[in-house]
Amino acid sequence: MQMQELTIKRREGTGKQVAKRLRREGVVPAIVYGGGQTVPVTVDPKAVLRMLVGHEGTTQLLTLKVDGEGATRMAIIRAMQFDPVTERLLHVDLQEVSADKPITVRVGVHPAGEAVGVRDTKGILNLVLHELTVSCLPAAIPERIDADVSGLAIGDVLTIADLQAPEGVRILNDPGQAVATVAPPMAEEVVAPAVTAAVTAEPEVLTERKLKEGEEAPADDAKKGRRPEKAEKDK
């Protein structure tokens, strides 16, 4: 794994108020541990994020340079904390490592090749595992581990036991853990034509108003909706 250089600066004070002040100043609080004591420092968040661009997995091997000091040390980014709403980097944990001592880190898994089930029968490749836990010397940390999926047909599963780890790297995951699989193609949904039932309108039935007691029945002409003729005036 290629090493990148990160400049850190020692800081005084800890706590939430100090951390908020540092972030307002454009830096992020961090700690360096593993060298016998925990050292509070600050880092440039932009520099940290630039290191992760295009890098698979969460482990990054670094050369730490302390601002104002000539000595350097080897470390890895062990953890990062982000704001769940703004996604701003809030805190970084840096672990100092020794070149001659194995460490446990996580590296990315990359599917290699085209699965036969995808190419020939339109299956769907599912990468079940995106990172592996490995043990190796710091200088032997791989950028990623390739998973050859070319032989997978529909229903086949690639497991940890099928992976080829680079020399000097030991995969710590369960050998039977699934890494990738090929699922059948999604069936096209057939939409049945809508059937509209014919509705026959029933004729409206009109009923006559029931007469009240003492009320005379209207003339036939009135029933038929005709206007009654005017009576002749007395001559």
C-alpha atoms as a PDB file:
ATOM      1  CA  MET A   1       0.000   0.000   0.000  1.00  0.00           C
ATOM      2  CA  GLN A   2       1.266   3.432  -0.950  1.00  0.00           C
ATOM      3  CA  MET A   3       2.016   5.658   2.036  1.00  0.00           C
ATOM      4  CA  GLN A   4       0.806   9.234   2.139  1.00  0.00           C
ATOM      5  CA  GLU A   5       2.026  11.991   4.404  1.00  0.00           C
ATOM      6  CA  LEU A   6      -0.267  13.756   6.844  1.00  0.00           C
ATOM      7  CA  THR A   7       0.781  16.742   8.922  1.00  0.00           C
ATOM      8  CA  ILE A   8      -0.571  16.863  12.467  1.00  0.00           C
ATOM      9  CA  LYS A   9      -0.315  19.521  15.151  1.00  0.00           C
ATOM     10  CA  ARG A  10      -0.235  18.986  18.892  1.00  0.00           C
ATOM     11  CA  ARG A  11      -3.081  20.593  20.796  1.00  0.00           C
ATOM     12  CA  GLU A  12      -3.773  21.617  24.351  1.00  0.00           C
ATOM     13  CA  GLY A  13      -7.044  20.861  26.094  1.00  0.00           C
ATOM     14  CA  THR A  14      -9.802  18.368  25.447  1.00  0.00           C
ATOM     15  CA  GLY A  15     -13.583  18.291  25.708  1.00  0.00           C
ATOM     16  CA  LYS A  16     -16.595  19.312  23.653  1.00  0.00           C
ATOM     17  CA  GLN A  17     -16.055  23.064  23.904  1.00  0.00           C
ATOM     18  CA  VAL A  18     -12.452  22.768  22.766  1.00  0.00           C
ATOM     19  CA  ALA A  19     -13.492  20.507  19.897  1.00  0.00           C
ATOM     20  CA  LYS A  20     -16.182  22.985  18.768  1.00  0.00           C
ATOM     21  CA  ARG A  21     -13.680  25.846  18.825  1.00  0.00           C
ATOM     22  CA  LEU A  22     -11.179  23.864  16.771  1.00  0.00           C
ATOM     23  CA  ARG A  23     -13.799  23.024  14.143  1.00  0.00           C
ATOM     24  CA  ARG A  24     -14.753  26.700  13.883  1.00  0.00           C
ATOM     25  CA  GLU A  25     -11.074  27.388  13.187  1.00  0.00           C
ATOM     26  CA  GLY A  26     -11.129  24.922  10.285  1.00  0.00           C
ATOM     27  CA  VAL A  27      -9.319  21.962  11.843  1.00  0.00           C
ATOM     28  CA  VAL A  28     -10.543  18.658  13.281  1.00  0.00           C
ATOM     29  CA  PRO A  29      -9.569  17.168  16.664  1.00  0.00           C
ATOM     30  CA  ALA A  30      -7.771  13.843  16.503  1.00  0.00           C
ATOM     31  CA  ILE A  31      -5.754  11.492  18.688  1.00  0.00           C
ATOM     32  CA  VAL A  32      -2.678   9.383  18.041  1.00  0.00           C
ATOM     33  CA  TYR A  33      -2.374   6.224  20.121  1.00  0.00           C
ATOM     34  CA  GLY A  34      -0.335   3.034  20.044  1.00  0.00           C
ATOM     35  CA  GLY A  35       3.034   4.545  20.805  1.00  0.00           C
ATOM     36  CA  GLY A  36       2.842   4.169  24.555  1.00  0.00           C
ATOM     37  CA  GLN A  37       0.606   7.168  25.190  1.00  0.00           C
ATOM     38  CA  THR A  38      -2.366   8.916  23.651  1.00  0.00           C
ATOM     39  CA  VAL A  39      -1.474  12.267  22.092  1.00  0.00           C
ATOM     40  CA  PRO A  40      -4.198  14.850  21.295  1.00  0.00           C
ATOM     41  CA  VAL A  41      -3.599  16.534  17.943  1.00  0.00           C
ATOM     42  CA  THR A  42      -5.412  18.378  15.171  1.00  0.00           C
ATOM     43  CA  VAL A  43      -5.567  17.586  11.447  1.00  0.00           C
ATOM     44  CA  ASP A  44      -6.740  19.325   8.309  1.00  0.00           C
ATOM     45  CA  PRO A  45     -10.069  17.648   7.386  1.00  0.00           C
ATOM     46  CA  LYS A  46      -9.586  18.394   3.685  1.00  0.00           C
ATOM     47  CA  ALA A  47      -6.208  16.637   3.691  1.00  0.00           C
ATOM     48  CA  VAL A  48      -7.706  13.566   5.342  1.00  0.00           C
ATOM     49  CA  LEU A  49     -10.625  13.329   2.937  1.00  0.00           C
ATOM     50  CA  ARG A  50      -8.358  13.759  -0.098  1.00  0.00           C
ATOM     51  CA  MET A  51      -6.476  10.646   0.977  1.00  0.00           C
ATOM     52  CA  LEU A  52      -9.644   8.579   0.855  1.00  0.00           C
ATOM     53  CA  VAL A  53     -10.722   9.590  -2.659  1.00  0.00           C
ATOM     54  CA  GLY A  54     -10.505   6.560  -4.947  1.00  0.00           C
ATOM     55  CA  HIS A  55      -9.319   4.341  -2.096  1.00  0.00           C
ATOM     56  CA  GLU A  56     -11.261   1.113  -1.469  1.00  0.00           C
ATOM     57  CA  GLY A  57     -11.707   0.101   2.155  1.00  0.00           C
ATOM     58  CA  THR A  58     -11.333   2.164   5.299  1.00  0.00           C
ATOM     59  CA  THR A  59      -7.647   1.549   6.074  1.00  0.00           C
ATOM     60  CA  GLN A  60      -5.048   4.071   4.958  1.00  0.00           C
ATOM     61  CA  LEU A  61      -1.333   3.791   5.786  1.00  0.00           C
ATOM     62  CA  LEU A  62       0.229   7.157   6.625  1.00  0.00           C
ATOM     63  CA  THR A  63       3.476   8.857   7.496  1.00  0.00           C
ATOM     64  CA  LEU A  64       2.656  11.302  10.282  1.00  0.00           C
ATOM     65  CA  LYS A  65       4.667  14.509  10.386  1.00  0.00           C
ATOM     66  CA  VAL A  66       4.301  16.566  13.544  1.00  0.00           C
ATOM     67  CA  ASP A  67       4.214  20.297  12.823  1.00  0.00           C
ATOM     68  CA  GLY A  68       7.373  21.927  14.174  1.00  0.00           C
ATOM     69  CA  GLU A  69       9.143  18.621  14.770  1.00  0.00           C
ATOM     70  CA  GLY A  70      11.505  16.703  12.509  1.00  0.00           C
ATOM     71  CA  ALA A  71      10.589  13.156  13.510  1.00  0.00           C
ATOM     72  CA  THR A  72       7.955  11.153  11.626  1.00  0.00           C
ATOM     73  CA  ARG A  73       5.990   8.061  12.575  1.00  0.00           C
ATOM     74  CA  MET A  74       4.000   5.391  10.751  1.00  0.00           C
ATOM     75  CA  ALA A  75       0.280   5.193  11.451  1.00  0.00           C
ATOM     76  CA  ILE A  76      -3.068   4.152  10.024  1.00  0.00           C
ATOM     77  CA  ILE A  77      -6.455   5.834  10.109  1.00  0.00           C
ATOM     78  CA  ARG A  78      -8.286   3.573  12.535  1.00  0.00           C
ATOM     79  CA  ALA A  79     -11.608   5.424  12.790  1.00  0.00           C
ATOM     80  CA  MET A  80     -13.375   8.576  11.661  1.00  0.00           C
ATOM     81  CA  GLN A  81     -16.472  10.247  13.044  1.00  0.00           C
ATOM     82  CA  PHE A  82     -18.863  12.181  10.791  1.00  0.00           C
ATOM     83  CA  ASP A  83     -21.836  14.392  11.546  1.00  0.00           C
ATOM     84  CA  PRO A  84     -24.957  12.321  10.673  1.00  0.00           C
ATOM     85  CA  VAL A  85     -26.747  15.353   9.203  1.00  0.00           C
ATOM     86  CA  THR A  86     -24.080  17.498   7.517  1.00  0.00           C
ATOM     87  CA  GLU A  87     -21.623  14.603   6.919  1.00  0.00           C
ATOM     88  CA  ARG A  88     -18.778  16.852   8.048  1.00  0.00           C
ATOM     89  CA  LEU A  89     -15.697  15.143   9.466  1.00  0.00           C
ATOM     90  CA  LEU A  90     -15.719  15.574  13.251  1.00  0.00           C
ATOM     91  CA  HIS A  91     -12.913  13.432  14.668  1.00  0.00           C
ATOM     92  CA  VAL A  92     -10.102  11.116  13.564  1.00  0.00           C
ATOM     93  CA  ASP A  93      -8.400   8.246  15.407  1.00  0.00           C
ATOM     94  CA  LEU A  94      -4.830   7.566  14.266  1.00  0.00           C
ATOM     95  CA  GLN A  95      -3.031   4.411  15.407  1.00  0.00           C
ATOM     96  CA  GLU A  96       0.745   4.383  15.422  1.00  0.00           C
ATOM     97  CA  VAL A  97       2.161   1.097  14.063  1.00  0.00           C
ATOM     98  CA  SER A  98       5.540  -0.622  13.854  1.00  0.00           C
ATOM     99  CA  ALA A  99       6.935  -1.800  10.551  1.00  0.00           C
ATOM    100  CA  ASP A 100       7.890  -5.216  11.982  1.00  0.00           C
ATOM    101  CA  LYS A 101       4.640  -6.035  13.834  1.00  0.00           C
ATOM    102  CA  PRO A 102       1.496  -7.435  12.140  1.00  0.00           C
ATOM    103  CA  ILE A 103      -1.697  -5.432  12.530  1.00  0.00           C
ATOM    104  CA  THR A 104      -5.354  -6.172  11.918  1.00  0.00           C
ATOM    105  CA  VAL A 105      -7.027  -3.940   9.352  1.00  0.00           C
ATOM    106  CA  ARG A 106      -9.961  -3.907   6.950  1.00  0.00           C
ATOM    107  CA  VAL A 107      -9.491  -3.823   3.172  1.00  0.00           C
ATOM    108  CA  GLY A 108     -11.959  -3.572   0.330  1.00  0.00           C
ATOM    109  CA  VAL A 109     -13.230  -6.425  -1.846  1.00  0.00           C
ATOM    110  CA  HIS A 110     -13.377  -5.871  -5.608  1.00  0.00           C
ATOM    111  CA  PRO A 111     -15.270  -8.202  -7.989  1.00  0.00           C
ATOM    112  CA  ALA A 112     -13.049  -9.263 -10.898  1.00  0.00           C
ATOM    113  CA  GLY A 113     -14.336 -10.645 -14.191  1.00  0.00           C
ATOM    114  CA  GLU A 114     -17.864 -11.080 -15.518  1.00  0.00           C
ATOM    115  CA  ALA A 115     -19.952 -13.827 -13.967  1.00  0.00           C
ATOM    116  CA  VAL A 116     -21.129 -16.464 -16.455  1.00  0.00           C
ATOM    117  CA  GLY A 117     -24.598 -16.214 -14.934  1.00  0.00           C
ATOM    118  CA  VAL A 118     -24.687 -12.511 -15.758  1.00  0.00           C
ATOM    119  CA  ARG A 119     -23.259 -12.843 -19.237  1.00  0.00           C
ATOM    120  CA  ASP A 120     -25.249 -15.842 -20.460  1.00  0.00           C
ATOM    121  CA  THR A 121     -28.492 -15.857 -18.492  1.00  0.00           C
ATOM    122  CA  LYS A 122     -28.901 -12.192 -17.510  1.00  0.00           C
ATOM    123  CA  GLY A 123     -28.484 -12.873 -13.798  1.00  0.00           C
ATOM    124  CA  ILE A 124     -27.704 -10.171 -11.241  1.00  0.00           C
ATOM    125  CA  LEU A 125     -24.363 -10.117  -9.407  1.00  0.00           C
ATOM    126  CA  ASN A 126     -24.706  -9.264  -5.706  1.00  0.00           C
ATOM    127  CA  LEU A 127     -21.587  -8.321  -3.738  1.00  0.00           C
ATOM    128  CA  VAL A 128     -22.523  -9.470  -0.253  1.00  0.00           C
ATOM    129  CA  LEU A 129     -19.277  -8.493   1.489  1.00  0.00           C
ATOM    130  CA  HIS A 130     -17.576  -5.176   0.781  1.00  0.00           C
ATOM    131  CA  GLU A 131     -14.665  -5.344   3.234  1.00  0.00           C
ATOM    132  CA  LEU A 132     -12.437  -8.068   4.671  1.00  0.00           C
ATOM    133  CA  THR A 133     -10.566  -8.241   7.967  1.00  0.00           C
ATOM    134  CA  VAL A 134      -6.936  -9.191   7.388  1.00  0.00           C
ATOM    135  CA  SER A 135      -3.708  -9.489   9.367  1.00  0.00           C
ATOM    136  CA  CYS A 136      -0.359  -8.442   7.893  1.00  0.00           C
ATOM    137  CA  LEU A 137       2.627  -6.165   8.309  1.00  0.00           C
ATOM    138  CA  PRO A 138       1.871  -2.476   7.702  1.00  0.00           C
ATOM    139  CA  ALA A 139       3.892  -2.394   4.485  1.00  0.00           C
ATOM    140  CA  ALA A 140       1.963  -5.413   3.157  1.00  0.00           C
ATOM    141  CA  ILE A 141      -1.521  -3.935   3.538  1.00  0.00           C
ATOM    142  CA  PRO A 142      -3.157  -4.494   0.127  1.00  0.00           C
ATOM    143  CA  GLU A 143      -5.073  -1.744  -1.652  1.00  0.00           C
ATOM    144  CA  ARG A 144      -7.861  -4.300  -2.138  1.00  0.00           C
ATOM    145  CA  ILE A 145      -8.463  -8.014  -2.585  1.00  0.00           C
ATOM    146  CA  ASP A 146      -9.928  -9.172  -5.882  1.00  0.00           C
ATOM    147  CA  ALA A 147     -12.757 -11.690  -5.890  1.00  0.00           C
ATOM    148  CA  ASP A 148     -12.887 -13.683  -9.153  1.00  0.00           C
ATOM    149  CA  VAL A 149     -16.594 -13.999  -9.937  1.00  0.00           C
ATOM    150  CA  SER A 150     -16.240 -15.168 -13.545  1.00  0.00           C
ATOM    151  CA  GLY A 151     -17.232 -18.766 -12.752  1.00  0.00           C
ATOM    152  CA  LEU A 152     -20.441 -17.913 -10.912  1.00  0.00           C
ATOM    153  CA  ALA A 153     -23.672 -19.160 -12.477  1.00  0.00           C
ATOM    154  CA  ILE A 154     -27.142 -18.305 -11.203  1.00  0.00           C
ATOM    155  CA  GLY A 155     -27.470 -19.581  -7.631  1.00  0.00           C
ATOM    156  CA  ASP A 156     -23.705 -19.980  -7.085  1.00  0.00           C
ATOM    157  CA  VAL A 157     -22.015 -18.394  -4.048  1.00  0.00           C
ATOM    158  CA  LEU A 158     -18.406 -17.229  -3.787  1.00  0.00           C
ATOM    159  CA  THR A 159     -17.070 -17.614  -0.219  1.00  0.00           C
ATOM    160  CA  ILE A 160     -14.024 -16.454   1.714  1.00  0.00           C
ATOM    161  CA  ALA A 161     -12.392 -19.835   1.090  1.00  0.00           C
ATOM    162  CA  ASP A 162     -12.432 -19.099  -2.664  1.00  0.00           C
ATOM    163  CA  LEU A 163     -10.399 -15.886  -2.358  1.00  0.00           C
ATOM    164  CA  GLN A 164      -6.688 -15.656  -3.078  1.00  0.00           C
ATOM    165  CA  ALA A 165      -4.985 -13.434  -0.504  1.00  0.00           C
ATOM    166  CA  PRO A 166      -1.739 -11.686  -1.450  1.00  0.00           C
ATOM    167  CA  GLU A 167       1.520 -13.042  -0.048  1.00  0.00           C
ATOM    168  CA  GLY A 168       1.967 -12.134   3.604  1.00  0.00           C
ATOM    169  CA  VAL A 169      -1.737 -11.385   4.099  1.00  0.00           C
ATOM    170  CA  ARG A 170      -4.014 -13.603   6.178  1.00  0.00           C
ATOM    171  CA  ILE A 171      -7.797 -13.265   5.873  1.00  0.00           C
ATOM    172  CA  LEU A 172      -9.475 -13.513   9.281  1.00  0.00           C
ATOM    173  CA  ASN A 173     -13.103 -13.868   8.135  1.00  0.00           C
ATOM    174  CA  ASP A 174     -14.962 -17.179   8.438  1.00  0.00           C
ATOM    175  CA  PRO A 175     -14.008 -19.303   5.390  1.00  0.00           C
ATOM    176  CA  GLY A 176     -17.673 -20.111   4.767  1.00  0.00           C
ATOM    177  CA  GLN A 177     -18.814 -16.480   4.755  1.00  0.00           C
ATOM    178  CA  ALA A 178     -20.435 -15.412   1.484  1.00  0.00           C
ATOM    179  CA  VAL A 179     -18.666 -12.794  -0.619  1.00  0.00           C
ATOM    180  CA  ALA A 180     -20.723 -12.681  -3.820  1.00  0.00           C
ATOM    181  CA  THR A 181     -23.615 -14.488  -5.463  1.00  0.00           C
ATOM    182  CA  VAL A 182     -25.594 -14.386  -8.703  1.00  0.00           C
ATOM    183  CA  ALA A 183     -29.364 -14.044  -8.432  1.00  0.00           C
ATOM    184  CA  PRO A 184     -31.904 -14.881 -11.150  1.00  0.00           C
ATOM    185  CA  PRO A 185     -33.029 -12.010 -13.385  1.00  0.00           C
ATOM    186  CA  MET A 186     -36.030 -10.076 -12.194  1.00  0.00           C
ATOM    187  CA  ALA A 187     -39.227 -11.264 -13.874  1.00  0.00           C
ATOM    188  CA  GLU A 188     -40.983  -8.625 -15.935  1.00  0.00           C
ATOM    189  CA  GLU A 189     -44.276  -7.668 -14.367  1.00  0.00           C
ATOM    190  CA  VAL A 190     -47.220  -8.297 -16.705  1.00  0.00           C
ATOM    191  CA  VAL A 191     -50.012  -5.788 -16.222  1.00  0.00           C
ATOM    192  CA  ALA A 192     -53.429  -7.304 -16.956  1.00  0.00           C
ATOM    193  CA  PRO A 193     -55.772  -5.084 -18.984  1.00  0.00           C
ATOM    194  CA  ALA A 194     -58.388  -3.403 -16.868  1.00  0.00           C
ATOM    195  CA  VAL A 195     -61.892  -4.821 -17.346  1.00  0.00           C
ATOM    196  CA  THR A 196     -64.627  -2.229 -17.123  1.00  0.00           C
ATOM    197  CA  ALA A 197     -68.040  -3.616 -16.292  1.00  0.00           C
ATOM    198  CA  ALA A 198     -70.921  -2.121 -18.244  1.00  0.00           C
ATOM    199  CA  VAL A 199     -73.399  -0.439 -15.986  1.00  0.00           C
ATOM    200  CA  THR A 200     -77.029  -0.193 -17.197  1.00  0.00           C
ATOM    201  CA  ALA A 201     -78.798   2.815 -15.832  1.00  0.00           C
ATOM    202  CA  GLU A 202     -82.149   2.015 -14.359  1.00  0.00           C
ATOM    203  CA  PRO A 203     -85.069   4.281 -15.361  1.00  0.00           C
ATOM    204  CA  GLU A 204     -85.979   6.852 -12.792  1.00  0.00           C
ATOM    205  CA  VAL A 205     -89.328   6.120 -11.149  1.00  0.00           C
ATOM    206  CA  LEU A 206     -91.408   9.164 -10.307  1.00  0.00           C
ATOM    207  CA  THR A 207     -94.105   8.857  -7.730  1.00  0.00           C
ATOM    208  CA  GLU A 208     -96.955  11.263  -7.143  1.00  0.00           C
ATOM    209  CA  ARG A 209     -97.047  13.277  -3.990  1.00  0.00           C
ATOM    210  CA  LYS A 210     -99.536  11.950  -1.495  1.00  0.00           C
ATOM    211  CA  LEU A 211    -102.411  14.383  -0.893  1.00  0.00           C
ATOM    212  CA  LYS A 212    -102.924  15.816   2.498  1.00  0.00           C
ATOM    213  CA  GLU A 213    -106.292  15.629   4.157  1.00  0.00           C
ATOM    214  CA  GLY A 214    -108.699  18.244   2.667  1.00  0.00           C
ATOM    215  CA  GLU A 215    -106.477  18.981  -0.342  1.00  0.00           C
ATOM    216  CA  GLU A 216    -108.088  18.655  -3.816  1.00  0.00           C
ATOM    217  CA  ALA A 217    -106.449  16.692  -6.539  1.00  0.00           C
ATOM    218  CA  PRO A 218    -104.969  18.887  -9.334  1.00  0.00           C
ATOM    219  CA  ALA A 219    -106.630  18.958 -12.738  1.00  0.00           C
ATOM    220  CA  ASP A 220    -105.452  16.601 -15.452  1.00  0.00           C
ATOM    221  CA  ASP A 221    -103.907  19.458 -17.375  1.00  0.00           C
ATOM    222  CA  ALA A 222    -101.850  20.437 -14.380  1.00  0.00           C
ATOM    223  CA  LYS A 223    -100.698  16.881 -14.007  1.00  0.00           C
ATOM    224  CA  LYS A 224     -99.552  16.926 -17.619  1.00  0.00           C
ATOM    225  CA  GLY A 225     -97.633  20.106 -17.059  1.00  0.00           C
ATOM    226  CA  ARG A 226     -99.938  22.366 -19.197  1.00  0.00           C
ATOM    227  CA  ARG A 227    -100.643  25.921 -18.237  1.00  0.00           C
ATOM    228  CA  PRO A 228    -104.396  26.440 -17.528  1.00  0.00           C
ATOM    229  CA  GLU A 229    -106.324  28.715 -19.939  1.00  0.00           C
ATOM    230  CA  LYS A 230    -107.529  32.091 -18.692  1.00  0.00           C
ATOM    231  CA  ALA A 231    -111.238  32.385 -17.923  1.00  0.00           C
ATOM    232  CA  GLU A 232    -113.241  34.713 -20.154  1.00  0.00           C
ATOM    233  CA  LYS A 233    -114.281  37.994 -18.553  1.00  0.00           C
ATOM    234  CA  ASP A 234    -117.955  38.713 -17.957  1.00  0.00           C
ATOM    235  CA  LYS A 235    -119.438  40.538 -20.833  1.00  0.00           C
END
